[in-house]
Amino acid sequence: MKEAKGRAFRLGLAVAAAVALLIALGAFLPLSRPGEDVPTLRIEPSDLLRSVPAQGELRAVRATPVSVPMGVAGPSRIGWLAQDGSLVKKGDVVIRFDPSALQKRLIDAGDDLRSARLQMEKEQLSGLSEVRKLEKDAAMARVELDQASHFQKKDAEIFSRSEIIESDIDQQLATEREKHAEAAQHTHQKLTGTEVALLQIKVRQAESKIQQAKAGLQALSV
């Protein structure tokens, strides 16, 4: 019974102390004026964003390897590269290779082509001129052979032995000159044809280099 009275007494003291504290605080608070707005703050629920600084390297989920285009022959240098981390879409150029080496190859191949064609034309004209000269020599040798055969001294009753022998020698020489002229003509024609064929190969090689250089220049952008 005494314990219950003690607890009630202490509770009463606590309530009295709280009331006295509220009265004291109210004395220090400024009195609100009529019509004065009291500042308020509206609180709304939102997501909590927490940033954590970190360092490292990012790896793409899907990466596309980039290499030198198939149409470019020989080593290539990168002339321009898209900025690292920039946004690209399908069809955008990300790499341009330096065209200087291919441009030089194109110029050199053009010079080789012109030189080979000039040499081939020169060889054809020279060969044609020489063949015509040899044709004339062969025709002259045939005329000499005909004359030697027609005027050959064979009658021993009319010509001396030495004249007959000299006539035979002239006919043999005319025959050999005709054979030599014809052989020289055929040989020169063959050599001219071989030389022209070699120059034609050079022409085709130069044309192929030109096509490769042009194709490479068109494929420099990736």
Protein backbone atom coordinates (compact mmCIF):
# COMPACT_ATOMS: atom_id res chain seq x y z
CA MET A 1 0.00 0.00 0.00
CA LYS A 2 2.83 2.30 0.86
CA GLU A 3 4.64 1.37 -2.41
CA ALA A 4 1.59 2.32 -4.50
CA LYS A 5 1.36 5.67 -2.76
CA GLY A 6 5.07 6.25 -3.43
CA ARG A 7 4.73 5.56 -7.15
CA ALA A 8 1.75 7.89 -7.40
CA PHE A 9 3.67 10.61 -5.61
CA ARG A 10 6.66 10.31 -7.96
CA LEU A 11 4.39 10.32 -11.03
CA GLY A 12 2.75 13.48 -9.79
CA LEU A 13 6.11 15.16 -9.33
CA ALA A 14 7.14 14.20 -12.92
CA VAL A 15 3.93 15.62 -14.40
CA ALA A 16 4.34 18.84 -12.43
CA ALA A 17 7.95 19.19 -13.62
CA ALA A 18 6.89 18.69 -17.27
CA VAL A 19 4.16 21.34 -16.99
CA ALA A 20 6.61 23.78 -15.40
CA LEU A 21 9.11 23.15 -18.23
CA LEU A 22 6.50 23.83 -20.92
CA ILE A 23 5.50 27.06 -19.19
CA ALA A 24 9.13 28.17 -19.02
CA LEU A 25 9.71 27.42 -22.72
CA GLY A 26 6.58 29.26 -23.70
CA ALA A 27 7.85 32.36 -21.97
CA PHE A 28 10.92 32.50 -24.22
CA LEU A 29 9.12 31.76 -27.56
CA PRO A 30 8.12 34.86 -29.62
CA LEU A 31 4.46 35.48 -29.85
CA SER A 32 3.07 35.05 -33.35
CA ARG A 33 1.51 38.10 -34.86
CA PRO A 34 -1.93 37.99 -36.33
CA GLY A 35 -1.85 37.17 -40.07
CA GLU A 36 1.81 36.15 -40.07
CA ASP A 37 2.47 32.94 -42.12
CA VAL A 38 4.29 30.21 -40.44
CA PRO A 39 6.95 28.63 -42.79
CA THR A 40 6.19 25.05 -43.61
CA LEU A 41 8.06 22.32 -45.48
CA ARG A 42 6.32 19.61 -47.40
CA ILE A 43 8.03 16.27 -47.26
CA GLU A 44 7.46 13.79 -50.07
CA PRO A 45 8.83 10.27 -50.46
CA SER A 46 11.69 9.90 -53.00
CA ASP A 47 14.49 7.51 -53.92
CA LEU A 48 17.72 7.80 -52.03
CA LEU A 49 20.70 8.21 -54.41
CA ARG A 50 24.05 7.36 -53.01
CA SER A 51 27.16 7.97 -55.20
CA VAL A 52 30.34 6.01 -54.64
CA PRO A 53 33.49 7.26 -56.48
CA ALA A 54 35.52 4.50 -58.14
CA GLN A 55 38.28 4.04 -60.73
CA GLY A 56 38.74 1.29 -63.29
CA GLU A 57 38.23 0.24 -66.90
CA LEU A 58 34.90 -0.38 -68.56
CA ARG A 59 34.46 -3.38 -70.81
CA ALA A 60 31.86 -3.30 -73.55
CA VAL A 61 29.10 -5.86 -73.39
CA ARG A 62 29.43 -6.38 -77.16
CA ALA A 63 32.68 -5.44 -78.91
CA THR A 64 33.36 -5.36 -82.66
CA PRO A 65 36.98 -5.93 -83.70
CA VAL A 66 38.31 -3.47 -86.30
CA SER A 67 41.15 -4.40 -88.66
CA VAL A 68 42.73 -3.17 -91.89
CA PRO A 69 40.27 -3.61 -94.79
CA MET A 70 40.84 -6.60 -97.06
CA GLY A 71 41.28 -4.40 -100.12
CA VAL A 72 44.32 -2.60 -98.68
CA ALA A 73 47.64 -4.28 -99.50
CA GLY A 74 50.71 -3.75 -97.32
CA PRO A 75 51.07 -2.00 -93.96
CA SER A 76 48.76 0.92 -93.15
CA ARG A 77 48.86 3.77 -90.66
CA ILE A 78 45.86 5.24 -88.85
CA GLY A 79 45.22 8.80 -90.00
CA TRP A 80 42.14 9.53 -87.87
CA LEU A 81 40.42 7.71 -85.02
CA ALA A 82 37.07 8.44 -83.40
CA GLN A 83 37.36 9.79 -79.87
CA ASP A 84 37.42 7.14 -77.19
CA GLY A 85 34.05 6.75 -75.54
CA SER A 86 32.15 8.67 -78.21
CA LEU A 87 28.69 7.51 -79.20
CA VAL A 88 28.57 5.87 -82.64
CA LYS A 89 25.79 4.25 -84.59
CA LYS A 90 25.62 1.90 -87.53
CA GLY A 91 27.27 3.37 -90.60
CA ASP A 92 29.43 5.92 -88.74
CA VAL A 93 33.13 6.10 -89.66
CA VAL A 94 35.37 5.30 -86.69
CA ILE A 95 38.77 4.92 -88.41
CA ARG A 96 40.38 6.50 -91.48
CA PHE A 97 43.73 5.14 -92.59
CA ASP A 98 46.49 7.34 -93.98
CA PRO A 99 46.15 7.41 -97.80
CA SER A 100 49.66 8.73 -98.58
CA ALA A 101 51.24 5.29 -99.19
CA LEU A 102 48.44 4.18 -101.53
CA GLN A 103 48.50 7.50 -103.36
CA LYS A 104 52.23 7.04 -103.99
CA ARG A 105 51.62 3.48 -105.23
CA LEU A 106 48.97 4.79 -107.60
CA ILE A 107 51.33 7.42 -109.01
CA ASP A 108 54.20 4.92 -109.37
CA ALA A 109 51.94 2.38 -111.08
CA GLY A 110 50.72 5.05 -113.50
CA ASP A 111 54.33 5.93 -114.35
CA ASP A 112 55.15 2.25 -114.89
CA LEU A 113 52.13 1.84 -117.15
CA ARG A 114 53.04 4.81 -119.32
CA SER A 115 56.68 3.67 -119.53
CA ALA A 116 55.73 0.09 -120.48
CA ARG A 117 53.29 1.26 -123.16
CA LEU A 118 55.87 3.65 -124.59
CA GLN A 119 58.51 0.91 -124.71
CA MET A 120 56.05 -1.48 -126.35
CA GLU A 121 55.12 1.04 -129.04
CA LYS A 122 58.79 1.79 -129.63
CA GLU A 123 59.64 -1.92 -129.87
CA GLN A 124 56.78 -2.56 -132.28
CA LEU A 125 57.83 0.31 -134.55
CA SER A 126 61.49 -0.69 -134.40
CA GLY A 127 60.66 -4.33 -135.06
CA LEU A 128 58.41 -3.45 -137.98
CA SER A 129 61.12 -1.27 -139.52
CA GLU A 130 63.76 -3.99 -139.12
CA VAL A 131 61.45 -6.67 -140.53
CA ARG A 132 60.78 -4.57 -143.61
CA LYS A 133 64.52 -4.07 -144.07
CA LEU A 134 65.11 -7.82 -143.79
CA GLU A 135 62.28 -8.47 -146.23
CA LYS A 136 64.04 -6.24 -148.74
CA ASP A 137 67.32 -8.07 -148.11
CA ALA A 138 65.60 -11.42 -148.65
CA ALA A 139 63.97 -10.18 -151.86
CA MET A 140 67.31 -8.90 -153.13
CA ALA A 141 68.94 -12.24 -152.28
CA ARG A 142 66.26 -14.07 -154.27
CA VAL A 143 66.86 -11.79 -157.26
CA GLU A 144 70.60 -12.46 -157.06
CA LEU A 145 69.93 -16.19 -156.82
CA ASP A 146 67.66 -16.08 -159.87
CA GLN A 147 70.27 -14.18 -161.83
CA ALA A 148 73.03 -16.55 -160.73
CA SER A 149 70.91 -19.54 -161.73
CA HIS A 150 69.86 -17.96 -165.03
CA PHE A 151 73.34 -16.90 -166.05
CA GLN A 152 75.20 -19.82 -164.53
CA LYS A 153 78.19 -20.81 -166.62
CA LYS A 154 77.98 -24.56 -167.17
CA ASP A 155 79.02 -25.15 -170.78
CA ALA A 156 82.61 -26.35 -170.68
CA GLU A 157 82.97 -25.75 -174.41
CA ILE A 158 82.20 -22.04 -173.99
CA PHE A 159 83.52 -21.20 -170.51
CA SER A 160 86.77 -22.04 -168.89
CA ARG A 161 86.97 -24.26 -165.86
CA SER A 162 87.68 -21.32 -163.56
CA GLU A 163 84.65 -19.41 -164.87
CA ILE A 164 82.43 -22.41 -164.32
CA ILE A 165 83.75 -22.83 -160.75
CA GLU A 166 83.32 -19.11 -160.04
CA SER A 167 79.76 -19.25 -161.36
CA ASP A 168 78.97 -22.19 -159.08
CA ILE A 169 80.40 -20.31 -156.12
CA ASP A 170 78.30 -17.24 -156.95
CA GLN A 171 75.16 -19.37 -157.09
CA GLN A 172 75.97 -21.00 -153.74
CA LEU A 173 76.63 -17.61 -152.16
CA ALA A 174 73.35 -16.26 -153.52
CA THR A 175 71.53 -19.28 -152.09
CA GLU A 176 73.16 -18.80 -148.68
CA ARG A 177 72.36 -15.08 -148.68
CA GLU A 178 68.71 -15.84 -149.41
CA LYS A 179 68.56 -18.42 -146.61
CA HIS A 180 70.32 -16.06 -144.21
CA ALA A 181 68.00 -13.15 -145.03
CA GLU A 182 64.90 -15.29 -144.53
CA ALA A 183 66.27 -16.78 -141.29
CA ALA A 184 67.18 -13.32 -139.99
CA GLN A 185 63.69 -12.10 -140.84
CA HIS A 186 62.01 -14.95 -138.95
CA THR A 187 64.40 -14.64 -136.00
CA HIS A 188 63.83 -10.91 -135.66
CA GLN A 189 60.08 -11.36 -135.89
CA LYS A 190 60.25 -13.95 -133.12
CA LEU A 191 62.46 -11.77 -130.91
CA THR A 192 60.25 -8.76 -131.49
CA GLY A 193 57.18 -10.81 -130.60
CA THR A 194 58.87 -12.06 -127.41
CA GLU A 195 59.91 -8.56 -126.37
CA VAL A 196 56.45 -7.20 -127.05
CA ALA A 197 54.90 -10.06 -125.05
CA LEU A 198 57.16 -9.23 -122.08
CA LEU A 199 56.18 -5.57 -122.30
CA GLN A 200 52.52 -6.58 -122.43
CA ILE A 201 53.04 -8.44 -119.16
CA LYS A 202 54.50 -5.26 -117.64
CA VAL A 203 51.49 -3.31 -118.88
CA ARG A 204 49.09 -5.78 -117.25
CA GLN A 205 51.08 -5.70 -114.01
CA ALA A 206 50.97 -1.90 -113.91
CA GLU A 207 47.24 -1.92 -114.64
CA SER A 208 46.70 -4.44 -111.82
CA LYS A 209 48.65 -2.23 -109.39
CA ILE A 210 46.53 0.75 -110.38
CA GLN A 211 43.32 -1.18 -109.71
CA GLN A 212 44.63 -2.39 -106.34
CA ALA A 213 45.65 1.13 -105.31
CA LYS A 214 42.26 2.56 -106.32
CA ALA A 215 40.41 -0.20 -104.46
CA GLY A 216 42.59 0.40 -101.39
CA LEU A 217 41.89 4.15 -101.42
CA GLN A 218 38.15 3.45 -101.50
CA ALA A 219 38.42 1.09 -98.50
CA LEU A 220 40.41 3.34 -96.15
CA SER A 221 37.40 4.34 -94.05
CA VAL A 222 36.03 1.82 -91.51
